Amino acid sequence: ESGGGLVQPGGSLRLSCAASGSIFSINAIDWYRQAPGKQ
């Protein structure tokens, strides 16, 4: 993953996920997040 950082409320960011390896086997790709102290 790349593209994270500090942004003000109302702002924008673009995250990117680069895949390598057995990529021909990939079906769905997901984004998850984990906030401090949360699942």
Full PDB file with SEQRES, HELIX, SHEET, SSBOND, CRYST1, ORIGX, SCALE, CONECT and MASTER records, all heavy atoms in Angstrom:
SEQRES   1 A   39  GLU SER GLY GLY GLY LEU VAL GLN PRO GLY GLY SER LEU          
SEQRES   2 A   39  ARG LEU SER CYS ALA ALA SER GLY SER ILE PHE SER ILE          
SEQRES   3 A   39  ASN ALA ILE ASP TRP TYR ARG GLN ALA PRO GLY LYS GLN          
HELIX    1 AA1 ILE A   23  SER A   25  5                                   3    
CRYST1    1.000    1.000    1.000  90.00  90.00  90.00 P 1           1          
ORIGX1      1.000000  0.000000  0.000000        0.00000                         
ORIGX2      0.000000  1.000000  0.000000        0.00000                         
ORIGX3      0.000000  0.000000  1.000000        0.00000                         
SCALE1      1.000000  0.000000  0.000000        0.00000                         
SCALE2      0.000000  1.000000  0.000000        0.00000                         
SCALE3      0.000000  0.000000  1.000000        0.00000                         
ATOM      1  N   GLU A   1       0.828  -1.193   0.000  1.00  0.00           N  
ATOM      2  CA  GLU A   1       0.000   0.000   0.000  1.00  0.00           C  
ATOM      3  C   GLU A   1       0.869   1.253   0.000  1.00  0.00           C  
ATOM      4  O   GLU A   1       1.988   1.244   0.523  1.00  0.00           O  
ATOM      5  CB  GLU A   1      -0.916   0.052   1.236  1.00  0.00           C  
ATOM      6  CG  GLU A   1      -1.813  -1.142   1.441  1.00  0.00           C  
ATOM      7  CD  GLU A   1      -1.196  -2.211   2.314  1.00  0.00           C  
ATOM      8  OE1 GLU A   1       0.042  -2.244   2.456  1.00  0.00           O  
ATOM      9  OE2 GLU A   1      -1.955  -3.025   2.884  1.00  0.00           O  
ATOM     10  N   SER A   2       0.318   2.329  -0.563  1.00  0.00           N  
ATOM     11  CA  SER A   2       0.991   3.626  -0.532  1.00  0.00           C  
ATOM     12  C   SER A   2      -0.060   4.728  -0.594  1.00  0.00           C  
ATOM     13  O   SER A   2      -1.231   4.462  -0.920  1.00  0.00           O  
ATOM     14  CB  SER A   2       1.966   3.764  -1.698  1.00  0.00           C  
ATOM     15  OG  SER A   2       1.278   3.677  -2.932  1.00  0.00           O  
ATOM     16  N   GLY A   3       0.357   5.959  -0.279  1.00  0.00           N  
ATOM     17  CA  GLY A   3      -0.520   7.110  -0.440  1.00  0.00           C  
ATOM     18  C   GLY A   3      -1.105   7.690   0.834  1.00  0.00           C  
ATOM     19  O   GLY A   3      -1.801   8.700   0.779  1.00  0.00           O  
ATOM     20  N   GLY A   4      -0.831   7.065   1.977  1.00  0.00           N  
ATOM     21  CA  GLY A   4      -1.363   7.605   3.216  1.00  0.00           C  
ATOM     22  C   GLY A   4      -0.670   8.899   3.605  1.00  0.00           C  
ATOM     23  O   GLY A   4       0.322   9.303   3.005  1.00  0.00           O  
ATOM     24  N   GLY A   5      -1.232   9.553   4.637  1.00  0.00           N  
ATOM     25  CA  GLY A   5      -0.635  10.788   5.118  1.00  0.00           C  
ATOM     26  C   GLY A   5      -1.591  11.549   6.001  1.00  0.00           C  
ATOM     27  O   GLY A   5      -2.632  11.032   6.412  1.00  0.00           O  
ATOM     28  N   LEU A   6      -1.224  12.793   6.283  1.00  0.00           N  
ATOM     29  CA  LEU A   6      -2.037  13.681   7.119  1.00  0.00           C  
ATOM     30  C   LEU A   6      -2.839  14.612   6.217  1.00  0.00           C  
ATOM     31  O   LEU A   6      -2.278  15.230   5.304  1.00  0.00           O  
ATOM     32  CB  LEU A   6      -1.124  14.488   8.035  1.00  0.00           C  
ATOM     33  CG  LEU A   6      -1.789  15.589   8.867  1.00  0.00           C  
ATOM     34  CD1 LEU A   6      -2.782  14.987   9.852  1.00  0.00           C  
ATOM     35  CD2 LEU A   6      -0.719  16.401   9.588  1.00  0.00           C  
ATOM     36  N   VAL A   7      -4.129  14.705   6.483  1.00  0.00           N  
ATOM     37  CA  VAL A   7      -5.000  15.561   5.680  1.00  0.00           C  
ATOM     38  C   VAL A   7      -6.018  16.218   6.601  1.00  0.00           C  
ATOM     39  O   VAL A   7      -6.408  15.646   7.626  1.00  0.00           O  
ATOM     40  CB  VAL A   7      -5.700  14.738   4.568  1.00  0.00           C  
ATOM     41  CG1 VAL A   7      -6.601  13.669   5.140  1.00  0.00           C  
ATOM     42  CG2 VAL A   7      -6.446  15.638   3.603  1.00  0.00           C  
ATOM     43  N   GLN A   8      -6.438  17.412   6.251  1.00  0.00           N  
ATOM     44  CA  GLN A   8      -7.437  18.129   7.040  1.00  0.00           C  
ATOM     45  C   GLN A   8      -8.838  17.576   6.749  1.00  0.00           C  
ATOM     46  O   GLN A   8      -9.089  17.045   5.655  1.00  0.00           O  
ATOM     47  CB  GLN A   8      -7.397  19.620   6.732  1.00  0.00           C  
ATOM     48  CG  GLN A   8      -6.130  20.297   7.206  1.00  0.00           C  
ATOM     49  CD  GLN A   8      -6.183  21.802   7.021  1.00  0.00           C  
ATOM     50  OE1 GLN A   8      -6.995  22.325   6.268  1.00  0.00           O  
ATOM     51  NE2 GLN A   8      -5.307  22.518   7.730  1.00  0.00           N  
ATOM     52  N   PRO A   9      -9.755  17.710   7.681  1.00  0.00           N  
ATOM     53  CA  PRO A   9     -11.139  17.311   7.419  1.00  0.00           C  
ATOM     54  C   PRO A   9     -11.667  17.994   6.166  1.00  0.00           C  
ATOM     55  O   PRO A   9     -11.431  19.193   5.945  1.00  0.00           O  
ATOM     56  CB  PRO A   9     -11.878  17.793   8.676  1.00  0.00           C  
ATOM     57  CG  PRO A   9     -10.841  17.758   9.744  1.00  0.00           C  
ATOM     58  CD  PRO A   9      -9.560  18.173   9.081  1.00  0.00           C  
ATOM     59  N   GLY A  10     -12.388  17.214   5.355  1.00  0.00           N  
ATOM     60  CA  GLY A  10     -12.886  17.721   4.088  1.00  0.00           C  
ATOM     61  C   GLY A  10     -11.939  17.515   2.934  1.00  0.00           C  
ATOM     62  O   GLY A  10     -12.322  17.719   1.770  1.00  0.00           O  
ATOM     63  N   GLY A  11     -10.714  17.110   3.228  1.00  0.00           N  
ATOM     64  CA  GLY A  11      -9.715  16.915   2.185  1.00  0.00           C  
ATOM     65  C   GLY A  11      -9.822  15.561   1.516  1.00  0.00           C  
ATOM     66  O   GLY A  11     -10.736  14.776   1.791  1.00  0.00           O  
ATOM     67  N   SER A  12      -8.858  15.293   0.626  1.00  0.00           N  
ATOM     68  CA  SER A  12      -8.858  14.059  -0.164  1.00  0.00           C  
ATOM     69  C   SER A  12      -7.493  13.393  -0.119  1.00  0.00           C  
ATOM     70  O   SER A  12      -6.464  14.058   0.055  1.00  0.00           O  
ATOM     71  CB  SER A  12      -9.205  14.362  -1.624  1.00  0.00           C  
ATOM     72  OG  SER A  12     -10.499  14.909  -1.747  1.00  0.00           O  
ATOM     73  N   LEU A  13      -7.513  12.078  -0.267  1.00  0.00           N  
ATOM     74  CA  LEU A  13      -6.301  11.284  -0.426  1.00  0.00           C  
ATOM     75  C   LEU A  13      -6.608  10.160  -1.404  1.00  0.00           C  
ATOM     76  O   LEU A  13      -7.760   9.713  -1.497  1.00  0.00           O  
ATOM     77  CB  LEU A  13      -5.856  10.663   0.899  1.00  0.00           C  
ATOM     78  CG  LEU A  13      -5.038  11.492   1.878  1.00  0.00           C  
ATOM     79  CD1 LEU A  13      -4.769  10.688   3.137  1.00  0.00           C  
ATOM     80  CD2 LEU A  13      -3.731  11.958   1.257  1.00  0.00           C  
ATOM     81  N   ARG A  14      -5.565   9.692  -2.067  1.00  0.00           N  
ATOM     82  CA  ARG A  14      -5.715   8.547  -2.958  1.00  0.00           C  
ATOM     83  C   ARG A  14      -4.720   7.484  -2.536  1.00  0.00           C  
ATOM     84  O   ARG A  14      -3.508   7.709  -2.568  1.00  0.00           O  
ATOM     85  CB  ARG A  14      -5.477   8.937  -4.412  1.00  0.00           C  
ATOM     86  CG  ARG A  14      -5.815   7.824  -5.403  1.00  0.00           C  
ATOM     87  CD  ARG A  14      -5.656   8.314  -6.844  1.00  0.00           C  
ATOM     88  NE  ARG A  14      -6.059   7.326  -7.817  1.00  0.00           N  
ATOM     89  CZ  ARG A  14      -7.298   7.222  -8.303  1.00  0.00           C  
ATOM     90  NH1 ARG A  14      -8.233   8.044  -7.901  1.00  0.00           N  
ATOM     91  NH2 ARG A  14      -7.598   6.292  -9.197  1.00  0.00           N  
ATOM     92  N   LEU A  15      -5.234   6.336  -2.125  1.00  0.00           N  
ATOM     93  CA  LEU A  15      -4.400   5.208  -1.735  1.00  0.00           C  
ATOM     94  C   LEU A  15      -4.238   4.270  -2.931  1.00  0.00           C  
ATOM     95  O   LEU A  15      -5.152   4.146  -3.750  1.00  0.00           O  
ATOM     96  CB  LEU A  15      -5.017   4.446  -0.568  1.00  0.00           C  
ATOM     97  CG  LEU A  15      -5.374   5.259   0.673  1.00  0.00           C  
ATOM     98  CD1 LEU A  15      -5.902   4.322   1.759  1.00  0.00           C  
ATOM     99  CD2 LEU A  15      -4.185   6.056   1.171  1.00  0.00           C  
ATOM    100  N   SER A  16      -3.099   3.602  -2.973  1.00  0.00           N  
ATOM    101  CA  SER A  16      -2.853   2.647  -4.041  1.00  0.00           C  
ATOM    102  C   SER A  16      -2.345   1.340  -3.447  1.00  0.00           C  
ATOM    103  O   SER A  16      -1.585   1.343  -2.476  1.00  0.00           O  
ATOM    104  CB  SER A  16      -1.837   3.197  -5.037  1.00  0.00           C  
ATOM    105  OG  SER A  16      -1.705   2.325  -6.142  1.00  0.00           O  
ATOM    106  N   CYS A  17      -2.761   0.228  -4.032  1.00  0.00           N  
ATOM    107  CA  CYS A  17      -2.316  -1.101  -3.630  1.00  0.00           C  
ATOM    108  C   CYS A  17      -1.720  -1.773  -4.854  1.00  0.00           C  
ATOM    109  O   CYS A  17      -2.410  -1.973  -5.851  1.00  0.00           O  
ATOM    110  CB  CYS A  17      -3.489  -1.914  -3.095  1.00  0.00           C  
ATOM    111  SG  CYS A  17      -3.112  -3.654  -2.788  1.00  0.00           S  
ATOM    112  N   ALA A  18      -0.443  -2.123  -4.777  1.00  0.00           N  
ATOM    113  CA  ALA A  18       0.232  -2.804  -5.876  1.00  0.00           C  
ATOM    114  C   ALA A  18       0.364  -4.283  -5.545  1.00  0.00           C  
ATOM    115  O   ALA A  18       0.869  -4.640  -4.472  1.00  0.00           O  
ATOM    116  CB  ALA A  18       1.606  -2.186  -6.106  1.00  0.00           C  
ATOM    117  N   ALA A  19      -0.082  -5.135  -6.470  1.00  0.00           N  
ATOM    118  CA  ALA A  19      -0.032  -6.582  -6.262  1.00  0.00           C  
ATOM    119  C   ALA A  19       1.045  -7.214  -7.120  1.00  0.00           C  
ATOM    120  O   ALA A  19       1.246  -6.823  -8.272  1.00  0.00           O  
ATOM    121  CB  ALA A  19      -1.384  -7.194  -6.586  1.00  0.00           C  
ATOM    122  N   SER A  20       1.729  -8.189  -6.559  1.00  0.00           N  
ATOM    123  CA  SER A  20       2.728  -8.944  -7.311  1.00  0.00           C  
ATOM    124  C   SER A  20       2.708 -10.388  -6.832  1.00  0.00           C  
ATOM    125  O   SER A  20       2.121 -10.707  -5.798  1.00  0.00           O  
ATOM    126  CB  SER A  20       4.122  -8.345  -7.146  1.00  0.00           C  
ATOM    127  OG  SER A  20       4.507  -8.364  -5.772  1.00  0.00           O  
ATOM    128  N   GLY A  21       3.339 -11.260  -7.590  1.00  0.00           N  
ATOM    129  CA  GLY A  21       3.347 -12.675  -7.227  1.00  0.00           C  
ATOM    130  C   GLY A  21       2.367 -13.435  -8.094  1.00  0.00           C  
ATOM    131  O   GLY A  21       2.305 -13.221  -9.298  1.00  0.00           O  
ATOM    132  N   SER A  22       1.575 -14.287  -7.486  1.00  0.00           N  
ATOM    133  CA  SER A  22       0.622 -15.123  -8.219  1.00  0.00           C  
ATOM    134  C   SER A  22      -0.636 -14.331  -8.552  1.00  0.00           C  
ATOM    135  O   SER A  22      -1.744 -14.687  -8.170  1.00  0.00           O  
ATOM    136  CB  SER A  22       0.265 -16.366  -7.391  1.00  0.00           C  
ATOM    137  OG  SER A  22       1.419 -17.121  -7.115  1.00  0.00           O  
ATOM    138  N   ILE A  23      -0.439 -13.244  -9.283  1.00  0.00           N  
ATOM    139  CA  ILE A  23      -1.534 -12.308  -9.499  1.00  0.00           C  
ATOM    140  C   ILE A  23      -2.602 -12.847 -10.430  1.00  0.00           C  
ATOM    141  O   ILE A  23      -3.720 -12.385 -10.431  1.00  0.00           O  
ATOM    142  CB  ILE A  23      -0.995 -10.971 -10.037  1.00  0.00           C  
ATOM    143  CG1 ILE A  23      -0.119 -11.202 -11.263  1.00  0.00           C  
ATOM    144  CG2 ILE A  23      -0.223 -10.241  -8.947  1.00  0.00           C  
ATOM    145  CD1 ILE A  23       0.463  -9.938 -11.860  1.00  0.00           C  
ATOM    146  N   PHE A  24      -2.284 -13.861 -11.207  1.00  0.00           N  
ATOM    147  CA  PHE A  24      -3.300 -14.427 -12.084  1.00  0.00           C  
ATOM    148  C   PHE A  24      -4.396 -15.104 -11.276  1.00  0.00           C  
ATOM    149  O   PHE A  24      -5.466 -15.378 -11.776  1.00  0.00           O  
ATOM    150  CB  PHE A  24      -2.666 -15.447 -13.028  1.00  0.00           C  
ATOM    151  CG  PHE A  24      -1.966 -16.567 -12.323  1.00  0.00           C  
ATOM    152  CD1 PHE A  24      -2.645 -17.710 -11.936  1.00  0.00           C  
ATOM    153  CD2 PHE A  24      -0.611 -16.475 -12.037  1.00  0.00           C  
ATOM    154  CE1 PHE A  24      -1.992 -18.743 -11.276  1.00  0.00           C  
ATOM    155  CE2 PHE A  24       0.045 -17.496 -11.386  1.00  0.00           C  
ATOM    156  CZ  PHE A  24      -0.639 -18.642 -11.000  1.00  0.00           C  
ATOM    157  N   SER A  25      -4.118 -15.377  -9.999  1.00  0.00           N  
ATOM    158  CA  SER A  25      -5.095 -16.032  -9.138  1.00  0.00           C  
ATOM    159  C   SER A  25      -6.005 -15.064  -8.409  1.00  0.00           C  
ATOM    160  O   SER A  25      -6.899 -15.477  -7.694  1.00  0.00           O  
ATOM    161  CB  SER A  25      -4.361 -16.891  -8.089  1.00  0.00           C  
ATOM    162  OG  SER A  25      -3.519 -17.822  -8.696  1.00  0.00           O  
ATOM    163  N   ILE A  26      -5.747 -13.774  -8.558  1.00  0.00           N  
ATOM    164  CA  ILE A  26      -6.479 -12.794  -7.774  1.00  0.00           C  
ATOM    165  C   ILE A  26      -7.875 -12.591  -8.332  1.00  0.00           C  
ATOM    166  O   ILE A  26      -8.062 -12.392  -9.519  1.00  0.00           O  
ATOM    167  CB  ILE A  26      -5.735 -11.451  -7.733  1.00  0.00           C  
ATOM    168  CG1 ILE A  26      -4.437 -11.608  -6.944  1.00  0.00           C  
ATOM    169  CG2 ILE A  26      -6.606 -10.371  -7.117  1.00  0.00           C  
ATOM    170  CD1 ILE A  26      -3.610 -10.361  -6.917  1.00  0.00           C  
ATOM    171  N   ASN A  27      -8.843 -12.612  -7.434  1.00  0.00           N  
ATOM    172  CA  ASN A  27     -10.206 -12.282  -7.806  1.00  0.00           C  
ATOM    173  C   ASN A  27     -10.539 -10.902  -7.236  1.00  0.00           C  
ATOM    174  O   ASN A  27     -10.172  -9.889  -7.791  1.00  0.00           O  
ATOM    175  CB  ASN A  27     -11.157 -13.354  -7.309  1.00  0.00           C  
ATOM    176  CG  ASN A  27     -12.578 -13.117  -7.792  1.00  0.00           C  
ATOM    177  OD1 ASN A  27     -12.804 -12.260  -8.664  1.00  0.00           O  
ATOM    178  ND2 ASN A  27     -13.521 -13.839  -7.265  1.00  0.00           N  
ATOM    179  N   ALA A  28     -11.222 -10.887  -6.122  1.00  0.00           N  
ATOM    180  CA  ALA A  28     -11.572  -9.607  -5.510  1.00  0.00           C  
ATOM    181  C   ALA A  28     -10.404  -9.081  -4.682  1.00  0.00           C  
ATOM    182  O   ALA A  28      -9.618  -9.850  -4.135  1.00  0.00           O  
ATOM    183  CB  ALA A  28     -12.795  -9.767  -4.624  1.00  0.00           C  
ATOM    184  N   ILE A  29     -10.299  -7.790  -4.612  1.00  0.00           N  
ATOM    185  CA  ILE A  29      -9.331  -7.128  -3.729  1.00  0.00           C  
ATOM    186  C   ILE A  29     -10.094  -6.143  -2.866  1.00  0.00           C  
ATOM    187  O   ILE A  29     -10.996  -5.453  -3.341  1.00  0.00           O  
ATOM    188  CB  ILE A  29      -8.225  -6.416  -4.524  1.00  0.00           C  
ATOM    189  CG1 ILE A  29      -7.380  -7.455  -5.268  1.00  0.00           C  
ATOM    190  CG2 ILE A  29      -7.344  -5.594  -3.588  1.00  0.00           C  
ATOM    191  CD1 ILE A  29      -6.186  -6.882  -6.008  1.00  0.00           C  
ATOM    192  N   ASP A  30      -9.743  -6.119  -1.581  1.00  0.00           N  
ATOM    193  CA  ASP A  30     -10.471  -5.304  -0.613  1.00  0.00           C  
ATOM    194  C   ASP A  30      -9.565  -4.262   0.025  1.00  0.00           C  
ATOM    195  O   ASP A  30      -8.353  -4.444   0.097  1.00  0.00           O  
ATOM    196  CB  ASP A  30     -10.982  -6.181   0.543  1.00  0.00           C  
ATOM    197  CG  ASP A  30     -11.432  -7.546   0.115  1.00  0.00           C  
ATOM    198  OD1 ASP A  30     -12.145  -7.623  -0.899  1.00  0.00           O  
ATOM    199  OD2 ASP A  30     -11.064  -8.536   0.784  1.00  0.00           O  
ATOM    200  N   TRP A  31     -10.172  -3.230   0.521  1.00  0.00           N  
ATOM    201  CA  TRP A  31      -9.521  -2.282   1.424  1.00  0.00           C  
ATOM    202  C   TRP A  31     -10.201  -2.398   2.782  1.00  0.00           C  
ATOM    203  O   TRP A  31     -11.430  -2.342   2.873  1.00  0.00           O  
ATOM    204  CB  TRP A  31      -9.622  -0.850   0.921  1.00  0.00           C  
ATOM    205  CG  TRP A  31      -8.658  -0.493  -0.149  1.00  0.00           C  
ATOM    206  CD1 TRP A  31      -8.890  -0.459  -1.489  1.00  0.00           C  
ATOM    207  CD2 TRP A  31      -7.300  -0.094   0.033  1.00  0.00           C  
ATOM    208  NE1 TRP A  31      -7.761  -0.072  -2.157  1.00  0.00           N  
ATOM    209  CE2 TRP A  31      -6.765   0.161  -1.245  1.00  0.00           C  
ATOM    210  CE3 TRP A  31      -6.470   0.083   1.141  1.00  0.00           C  
ATOM    211  CZ2 TRP A  31      -5.449   0.575  -1.452  1.00  0.00           C  
ATOM    212  CZ3 TRP A  31      -5.169   0.496   0.947  1.00  0.00           C  
ATOM    213  CH2 TRP A  31      -4.666   0.738  -0.337  1.00  0.00           C  
ATOM    214  N   TYR A  32      -9.397  -2.566   3.816  1.00  0.00           N  
ATOM    215  CA  TYR A  32      -9.856  -2.560   5.202  1.00  0.00           C  
ATOM    216  C   TYR A  32      -9.182  -1.383   5.910  1.00  0.00           C  
ATOM    217  O   TYR A  32      -8.178  -0.851   5.427  1.00  0.00           O  
ATOM    218  CB  TYR A  32      -9.442  -3.849   5.927  1.00  0.00           C  
ATOM    219  CG  TYR A  32     -10.311  -5.047   5.653  1.00  0.00           C  
ATOM    220  CD1 TYR A  32     -10.207  -5.752   4.460  1.00  0.00           C  
ATOM    221  CD2 TYR A  32     -11.217  -5.514   6.607  1.00  0.00           C  
ATOM    222  CE1 TYR A  32     -10.989  -6.873   4.216  1.00  0.00           C  
ATOM    223  CE2 TYR A  32     -11.996  -6.633   6.375  1.00  0.00           C  
ATOM    224  CZ  TYR A  32     -11.872  -7.298   5.176  1.00  0.00           C  
ATOM    225  OH  TYR A  32     -12.649  -8.417   4.951  1.00  0.00           O  
ATOM    226  N   ARG A  33      -9.693  -1.030   7.057  1.00  0.00           N  
ATOM    227  CA  ARG A  33      -9.026  -0.035   7.887  1.00  0.00           C  
ATOM    228  C   ARG A  33      -9.178  -0.415   9.353  1.00  0.00           C  
ATOM    229  O   ARG A  33     -10.120  -1.101   9.732  1.00  0.00           O  
ATOM    230  CB  ARG A  33      -9.570   1.379   7.655  1.00  0.00           C  
ATOM    231  CG  ARG A  33     -10.996   1.600   8.139  1.00  0.00           C  
ATOM    232  CD  ARG A  33     -11.463   2.985   7.747  1.00  0.00           C  
ATOM    233  NE  ARG A  33     -12.839   3.212   8.173  1.00  0.00           N  
ATOM    234  CZ  ARG A  33     -13.554   4.264   7.779  1.00  0.00           C  
ATOM    235  NH1 ARG A  33     -13.031   5.168   6.956  1.00  0.00           N  
ATOM    236  NH2 ARG A  33     -14.790   4.407   8.220  1.00  0.00           N  
ATOM    237  N   GLN A  34      -8.216   0.063  10.133  1.00  0.00           N  
ATOM    238  CA  GLN A  34      -8.260  -0.177  11.570  1.00  0.00           C  
ATOM    239  C   GLN A  34      -7.931   1.105  12.298  1.00  0.00           C  
ATOM    240  O   GLN A  34      -6.804   1.622  12.189  1.00  0.00           O  
ATOM    241  CB  GLN A  34      -7.283  -1.283  11.969  1.00  0.00           C  
ATOM    242  CG  GLN A  34      -7.409  -1.698  13.423  1.00  0.00           C  
ATOM    243  CD  GLN A  34      -6.707  -3.012  13.705  1.00  0.00           C  
ATOM    244  OE1 GLN A  34      -5.839  -3.451  12.958  1.00  0.00           O  
ATOM    245  NE2 GLN A  34      -7.078  -3.661  14.801  1.00  0.00           N  
ATOM    246  N   ALA A  35      -8.921   1.622  13.020  1.00  0.00           N  
ATOM    247  CA  ALA A  35      -8.726   2.823  13.815  1.00  0.00           C  
ATOM    248  C   ALA A  35      -8.108   2.435  15.157  1.00  0.00           C  
ATOM    249  O   ALA A  35      -8.249   1.287  15.605  1.00  0.00           O  
ATOM    250  CB  ALA A  35     -10.056   3.529  14.032  1.00  0.00           C  
ATOM    251  N   PRO A  36      -7.436   3.372  15.812  1.00  0.00           N  
ATOM    252  CA  PRO A  36      -6.826   3.068  17.117  1.00  0.00           C  
ATOM    253  C   PRO A  36      -7.847   2.519  18.103  1.00  0.00           C  
ATOM    254  O   PRO A  36      -8.915   3.119  18.303  1.00  0.00           O  
ATOM    255  CB  PRO A  36      -6.296   4.433  17.570  1.00  0.00           C  
ATOM    256  CG  PRO A  36      -6.071   5.189  16.309  1.00  0.00           C  
ATOM    257  CD  PRO A  36      -7.150   4.744  15.367  1.00  0.00           C  
ATOM    258  N   GLY A  37      -7.553   1.379  18.699  1.00  0.00           N  
ATOM    259  CA  GLY A  37      -8.428   0.785  19.701  1.00  0.00           C  
ATOM    260  C   GLY A  37      -9.665   0.107  19.154  1.00  0.00           C  
ATOM    261  O   GLY A  37     -10.532  -0.317  19.924  1.00  0.00           O  
ATOM    262  N   LYS A  38      -9.755  -0.008  17.830  1.00  0.00           N  
ATOM    263  CA  LYS A  38     -10.946  -0.619  17.235  1.00  0.00           C  
ATOM    264  C   LYS A  38     -10.568  -1.808  16.376  1.00  0.00           C  
ATOM    265  O   LYS A  38      -9.405  -1.990  16.002  1.00  0.00           O  
ATOM    266  CB  LYS A  38     -11.715   0.418  16.403  1.00  0.00           C  
ATOM    267  CG  LYS A  38     -12.304   1.543  17.219  1.00  0.00           C  
ATOM    268  CD  LYS A  38     -13.205   2.417  16.374  1.00  0.00           C  
ATOM    269  CE  LYS A  38     -13.854   3.508  17.200  1.00  0.00           C  
ATOM    270  NZ  LYS A  38     -14.763   4.367  16.377  1.00  0.00           N  
ATOM    271  N   GLN A  39     -11.585  -2.614  16.036  1.00  0.00           N  
ATOM    272  CA  GLN A  39     -11.342  -3.767  15.181  1.00  0.00           C  
ATOM    273  C   GLN A  39     -11.187  -3.332  13.727  1.00  0.00           C  
ATOM    274  O   GLN A  39     -11.689  -2.283  13.311  1.00  0.00           O  
ATOM    275  CB  GLN A  39     -12.510  -4.752  15.306  1.00  0.00           C  
ATOM    276  CG  GLN A  39     -12.573  -5.474  16.637  1.00  0.00           C  
ATOM    277  CD  GLN A  39     -13.607  -6.590  16.636  1.00  0.00           C  
ATOM    278  OE1 GLN A  39     -14.598  -6.517  15.930  1.00  0.00           O  
ATOM    279  NE2 GLN A  39     -13.371  -7.619  17.430  1.00  0.00           N  
TER     280      GLN A  39                                                      
MASTER        0    0    0    1    0    0    0    6  279    1    0    3          
END                                                                             
